[in-house]
């Protein structure tokens, strides 16, 4: 993974959070990790394939998910995540995936991003791959982006 790949994922997520949701974003200090990838109460898991391979996991609290869904539903107050709410969380993942593919293309990587898988409940993902965690504070809540990408054939 290089800094351009990490920044592309950051730009994509920031773009969705600020342009679609009107959220103010503050980037935290990136952290390197290996082994266990921490998860919050809701995780959006995206697979990456093509010239890069790996995963991107967007981890958020349930309250942050409700805030995101509320904005997507026109400013509604969301007290529980029902089927429509989970569908909106998945759509948030689709937006991040599409924008990430575009940002990586702008860095000269052609990739496909798999449809998002939503994980409900705190858990740990285990991987033998190294990852970078990008914490982001927003007016909708904290978002942690866990990135594990490698160039194909390397």
C-alpha atoms as a PDB file:
ATOM      1  CA  UNK A   1       0.000   0.000   0.000  1.00  0.00           C
ATOM      2  CA  UNK A   2       1.226   3.436  -0.757  1.00  0.00           C
ATOM      3  CA  UNK A   3       0.121   6.842   0.410  1.00  0.00           C
ATOM      4  CA  UNK A   4      -1.678   7.583  -2.891  1.00  0.00           C
ATOM      5  CA  UNK A   5      -3.915   4.529  -2.444  1.00  0.00           C
ATOM      6  CA  UNK A   6      -4.698   5.452   1.157  1.00  0.00           C
ATOM      7  CA  UNK A   7      -5.407   9.058   0.242  1.00  0.00           C
ATOM      8  CA  UNK A   8      -7.700   7.940  -2.596  1.00  0.00           C
ATOM      9  CA  UNK A   9      -9.847   5.953  -0.145  1.00  0.00           C
ATOM     10  CA  UNK A  10      -9.854   8.893   2.261  1.00  0.00           C
ATOM     11  CA  UNK A  11     -10.896  11.339  -0.484  1.00  0.00           C
ATOM     12  CA  UNK A  12     -13.704   9.013  -1.553  1.00  0.00           C
ATOM     13  CA  UNK A  13     -15.093   8.629   1.964  1.00  0.00           C
ATOM     14  CA  UNK A  14     -14.708  12.319   2.747  1.00  0.00           C
ATOM     15  CA  UNK A  15     -16.458  13.210  -0.511  1.00  0.00           C
ATOM     16  CA  UNK A  16     -19.476  11.053   0.333  1.00  0.00           C
ATOM     17  CA  UNK A  17     -19.642  12.323   3.910  1.00  0.00           C
ATOM     18  CA  UNK A  18     -19.315  15.996   3.004  1.00  0.00           C
ATOM     19  CA  UNK A  19     -20.963  16.251  -0.433  1.00  0.00           C
ATOM     20  CA  UNK A  20     -23.872  13.848   0.063  1.00  0.00           C
ATOM     21  CA  UNK A  21     -24.466  14.289   3.793  1.00  0.00           C
ATOM     22  CA  UNK A  22     -23.179  17.804   4.438  1.00  0.00           C
ATOM     23  CA  UNK A  23     -20.993  16.501   7.269  1.00  0.00           C
ATOM     24  CA  UNK A  24     -17.943  18.335   8.530  1.00  0.00           C
ATOM     25  CA  UNK A  25     -14.929  15.989   8.464  1.00  0.00           C
ATOM     26  CA  UNK A  26     -11.763  15.970  10.540  1.00  0.00           C
ATOM     27  CA  UNK A  27      -9.125  13.381   9.663  1.00  0.00           C
ATOM     28  CA  UNK A  28      -7.386  11.669  12.551  1.00  0.00           C
ATOM     29  CA  UNK A  29      -3.908  10.177  12.703  1.00  0.00           C
ATOM     30  CA  UNK A  30      -3.540   7.048  10.509  1.00  0.00           C
ATOM     31  CA  UNK A  31      -2.460   3.896  12.342  1.00  0.00           C
ATOM     32  CA  UNK A  32      -0.838   0.754  10.979  1.00  0.00           C
ATOM     33  CA  UNK A  33      -2.121  -2.607  12.117  1.00  0.00           C
ATOM     34  CA  UNK A  34      -1.737  -6.314  11.567  1.00  0.00           C
ATOM     35  CA  UNK A  35      -3.820  -9.313  12.605  1.00  0.00           C
ATOM     36  CA  UNK A  36      -7.063  -8.154  14.216  1.00  0.00           C
ATOM     37  CA  UNK A  37      -9.021  -5.383  12.544  1.00  0.00           C
ATOM     38  CA  UNK A  38     -11.269  -3.755  15.161  1.00  0.00           C
ATOM     39  CA  UNK A  39     -14.901  -3.213  14.310  1.00  0.00           C
ATOM     40  CA  UNK A  40     -17.540  -0.963  15.757  1.00  0.00           C
ATOM     41  CA  UNK A  41     -21.247  -1.854  15.922  1.00  0.00           C
ATOM     42  CA  UNK A  42     -21.732  -1.565  12.139  1.00  0.00           C
ATOM     43  CA  UNK A  43     -19.173  -2.389   9.455  1.00  0.00           C
ATOM     44  CA  UNK A  44     -19.434  -2.023   5.698  1.00  0.00           C
ATOM     45  CA  UNK A  45     -17.038  -4.494   4.064  1.00  0.00           C
ATOM     46  CA  UNK A  46     -15.891  -3.824   0.490  1.00  0.00           C
ATOM     47  CA  UNK A  47     -13.705  -6.139  -1.560  1.00  0.00           C
ATOM     48  CA  UNK A  48     -11.293  -4.698  -4.110  1.00  0.00           C
ATOM     49  CA  UNK A  49     -10.075  -6.582  -7.184  1.00  0.00           C
ATOM     50  CA  UNK A  50      -8.252  -5.682 -10.363  1.00  0.00           C
ATOM     51  CA  UNK A  51      -4.840  -4.002 -10.386  1.00  0.00           C
ATOM     52  CA  UNK A  52      -5.201  -3.803  -6.601  1.00  0.00           C
ATOM     53  CA  UNK A  53      -6.619  -6.503  -4.352  1.00  0.00           C
ATOM     54  CA  UNK A  54      -7.810  -6.384  -0.765  1.00  0.00           C
ATOM     55  CA  UNK A  55     -10.512  -5.019   1.485  1.00  0.00           C
ATOM     56  CA  UNK A  56     -11.807  -1.715   2.749  1.00  0.00           C
ATOM     57  CA  UNK A  57     -13.887  -1.789   5.932  1.00  0.00           C
ATOM     58  CA  UNK A  58     -15.882   1.258   7.040  1.00  0.00           C
ATOM     59  CA  UNK A  59     -16.602   0.859  10.739  1.00  0.00           C
ATOM     60  CA  UNK A  60     -19.176   3.059  12.499  1.00  0.00           C
ATOM     61  CA  UNK A  61     -21.286   3.052  15.642  1.00  0.00           C
ATOM     62  CA  UNK A  62     -24.984   2.302  15.451  1.00  0.00           C
ATOM     63  CA  UNK A  63     -25.689   5.961  16.300  1.00  0.00           C
ATOM     64  CA  UNK A  64     -23.501   7.103  13.389  1.00  0.00           C
ATOM     65  CA  UNK A  65     -25.339   4.646  11.113  1.00  0.00           C
ATOM     66  CA  UNK A  66     -28.685   6.070  12.281  1.00  0.00           C
ATOM     67  CA  UNK A  67     -27.436   9.617  11.632  1.00  0.00           C
ATOM     68  CA  UNK A  68     -26.288   8.673   8.121  1.00  0.00           C
ATOM     69  CA  UNK A  69     -29.594   6.912   7.373  1.00  0.00           C
ATOM     70  CA  UNK A  70     -31.525   9.890   8.754  1.00  0.00           C
ATOM     71  CA  UNK A  71     -29.763  12.266   6.370  1.00  0.00           C
ATOM     72  CA  UNK A  72     -30.326   9.841   3.478  1.00  0.00           C
ATOM     73  CA  UNK A  73     -34.044   9.779   4.382  1.00  0.00           C
ATOM     74  CA  UNK A  74     -34.375  13.547   4.092  1.00  0.00           C
ATOM     75  CA  UNK A  75     -33.518  14.499   7.671  1.00  0.00           C
ATOM     76  CA  UNK A  76     -35.707  11.979   9.485  1.00  0.00           C
ATOM     77  CA  UNK A  77     -34.997  11.023  13.076  1.00  0.00           C
ATOM     78  CA  UNK A  78     -34.048   7.321  12.978  1.00  0.00           C
ATOM     79  CA  UNK A  79     -34.425   5.448  16.264  1.00  0.00           C
ATOM     80  CA  UNK A  80     -33.860   1.901  14.998  1.00  0.00           C
ATOM     81  CA  UNK A  81     -32.306   0.360  11.926  1.00  0.00           C
ATOM     82  CA  UNK A  82     -35.037  -1.611  10.157  1.00  0.00           C
ATOM     83  CA  UNK A  83     -34.788  -3.273   6.733  1.00  0.00           C
ATOM     84  CA  UNK A  84     -34.966   0.114   4.982  1.00  0.00           C
ATOM     85  CA  UNK A  85     -32.267   1.473   7.294  1.00  0.00           C
ATOM     86  CA  UNK A  86     -29.947  -1.471   6.611  1.00  0.00           C
ATOM     87  CA  UNK A  87     -30.570  -1.010   2.897  1.00  0.00           C
ATOM     88  CA  UNK A  88     -29.537   2.644   3.264  1.00  0.00           C
ATOM     89  CA  UNK A  89     -26.344   1.614   5.091  1.00  0.00           C
ATOM     90  CA  UNK A  90     -25.605  -0.751   2.204  1.00  0.00           C
ATOM     91  CA  UNK A  91     -26.242   2.073  -0.264  1.00  0.00           C
ATOM     92  CA  UNK A  92     -23.782   4.239   1.689  1.00  0.00           C
ATOM     93  CA  UNK A  93     -21.288   1.414   1.083  1.00  0.00           C
ATOM     94  CA  UNK A  94     -22.120   1.429  -2.634  1.00  0.00           C
ATOM     95  CA  UNK A  95     -21.441   5.177  -2.791  1.00  0.00           C
ATOM     96  CA  UNK A  96     -18.100   4.764  -1.026  1.00  0.00           C
ATOM     97  CA  UNK A  97     -17.229   1.832  -3.323  1.00  0.00           C
ATOM     98  CA  UNK A  98     -17.999   3.695  -6.534  1.00  0.00           C
ATOM     99  CA  UNK A  99     -16.204   6.845  -5.476  1.00  0.00           C
ATOM    100  CA  UNK A 100     -13.211   4.801  -4.269  1.00  0.00           C
ATOM    101  CA  UNK A 101     -12.957   3.089  -7.670  1.00  0.00           C
ATOM    102  CA  UNK A 102     -12.981   6.514  -9.345  1.00  0.00           C
ATOM    103  CA  UNK A 103     -10.366   7.950  -6.978  1.00  0.00           C
ATOM    104  CA  UNK A 104      -8.106   4.907  -7.463  1.00  0.00           C
ATOM    105  CA  UNK A 105      -8.531   5.236 -11.246  1.00  0.00           C
ATOM    106  CA  UNK A 106      -7.321   8.827 -10.896  1.00  0.00           C
ATOM    107  CA  UNK A 107      -4.199   7.330  -9.265  1.00  0.00           C
ATOM    108  CA  UNK A 108      -3.766   5.004 -12.307  1.00  0.00           C
ATOM    109  CA  UNK A 109      -5.281   1.854 -10.772  1.00  0.00           C
ATOM    110  CA  UNK A 110      -8.188   0.124 -12.480  1.00  0.00           C
ATOM    111  CA  UNK A 111     -10.236  -1.749  -9.891  1.00  0.00           C
ATOM    112  CA  UNK A 112     -13.649  -3.218  -9.312  1.00  0.00           C
ATOM    113  CA  UNK A 113     -15.183  -2.961  -5.870  1.00  0.00           C
ATOM    114  CA  UNK A 114     -17.524  -5.722  -4.746  1.00  0.00           C
ATOM    115  CA  UNK A 115     -21.024  -4.998  -3.465  1.00  0.00           C
ATOM    116  CA  UNK A 116     -20.880  -4.137   0.232  1.00  0.00           C
ATOM    117  CA  UNK A 117     -21.481  -6.656   2.969  1.00  0.00           C
ATOM    118  CA  UNK A 118     -22.874  -5.240   6.204  1.00  0.00           C
ATOM    119  CA  UNK A 119     -21.743  -6.648   9.536  1.00  0.00           C
ATOM    120  CA  UNK A 120     -23.996  -5.850  12.484  1.00  0.00           C
ATOM    121  CA  UNK A 121     -22.534  -5.998  15.979  1.00  0.00           C
ATOM    122  CA  UNK A 122     -19.078  -5.390  17.378  1.00  0.00           C
ATOM    123  CA  UNK A 123     -16.580  -7.942  16.176  1.00  0.00           C
ATOM    124  CA  UNK A 124     -13.008  -8.383  15.066  1.00  0.00           C
ATOM    125  CA  UNK A 125     -11.946  -9.255  11.563  1.00  0.00           C
ATOM    126  CA  UNK A 126      -8.785 -11.338  11.405  1.00  0.00           C
ATOM    127  CA  UNK A 127      -6.339 -11.073   8.542  1.00  0.00           C
ATOM    128  CA  UNK A 128      -2.759 -11.945   7.779  1.00  0.00           C
ATOM    129  CA  UNK A 129      -2.504  -8.748   5.731  1.00  0.00           C
ATOM    130  CA  UNK A 130      -1.313  -5.421   7.071  1.00  0.00           C
ATOM    131  CA  UNK A 131      -3.845  -2.611   7.185  1.00  0.00           C
ATOM    132  CA  UNK A 132      -4.010   1.119   7.758  1.00  0.00           C
ATOM    133  CA  UNK A 133      -6.785   2.612   9.875  1.00  0.00           C
ATOM    134  CA  UNK A 134      -7.921   6.136   9.030  1.00  0.00           C
ATOM    135  CA  UNK A 135     -10.067   7.582  11.810  1.00  0.00           C
ATOM    136  CA  UNK A 136     -12.402  10.386  10.805  1.00  0.00           C
ATOM    137  CA  UNK A 137     -14.543  12.509  13.089  1.00  0.00           C
ATOM    138  CA  UNK A 138     -17.620  13.966  11.483  1.00  0.00           C
ATOM    139  CA  UNK A 139     -20.696  15.888  12.518  1.00  0.00           C
ATOM    140  CA  UNK A 140     -22.604  12.601  12.011  1.00  0.00           C
ATOM    141  CA  UNK A 141     -20.237  10.574  14.205  1.00  0.00           C
ATOM    142  CA  UNK A 142     -16.924   8.763  14.072  1.00  0.00           C
ATOM    143  CA  UNK A 143     -15.971   6.717  10.996  1.00  0.00           C
ATOM    144  CA  UNK A 144     -12.960   4.387  10.923  1.00  0.00           C
ATOM    145  CA  UNK A 145     -11.731   3.232   7.532  1.00  0.00           C
ATOM    146  CA  UNK A 146      -9.564   0.095   7.597  1.00  0.00           C
ATOM    147  CA  UNK A 147      -7.631  -0.309   4.326  1.00  0.00           C
ATOM    148  CA  UNK A 148      -5.719  -3.373   3.184  1.00  0.00           C
ATOM    149  CA  UNK A 149      -4.672  -3.172  -0.470  1.00  0.00           C
ATOM    150  CA  UNK A 150      -1.848  -4.701  -2.447  1.00  0.00           C
ATOM    151  CA  UNK A 151      -0.812  -4.425  -6.067  1.00  0.00           C
ATOM    152  CA  UNK A 152      -1.559  -7.559  -8.026  1.00  0.00           C
ATOM    153  CA  UNK A 153       1.549  -9.675  -8.450  1.00  0.00           C
ATOM    154  CA  UNK A 154       3.460  -8.005  -5.601  1.00  0.00           C
END
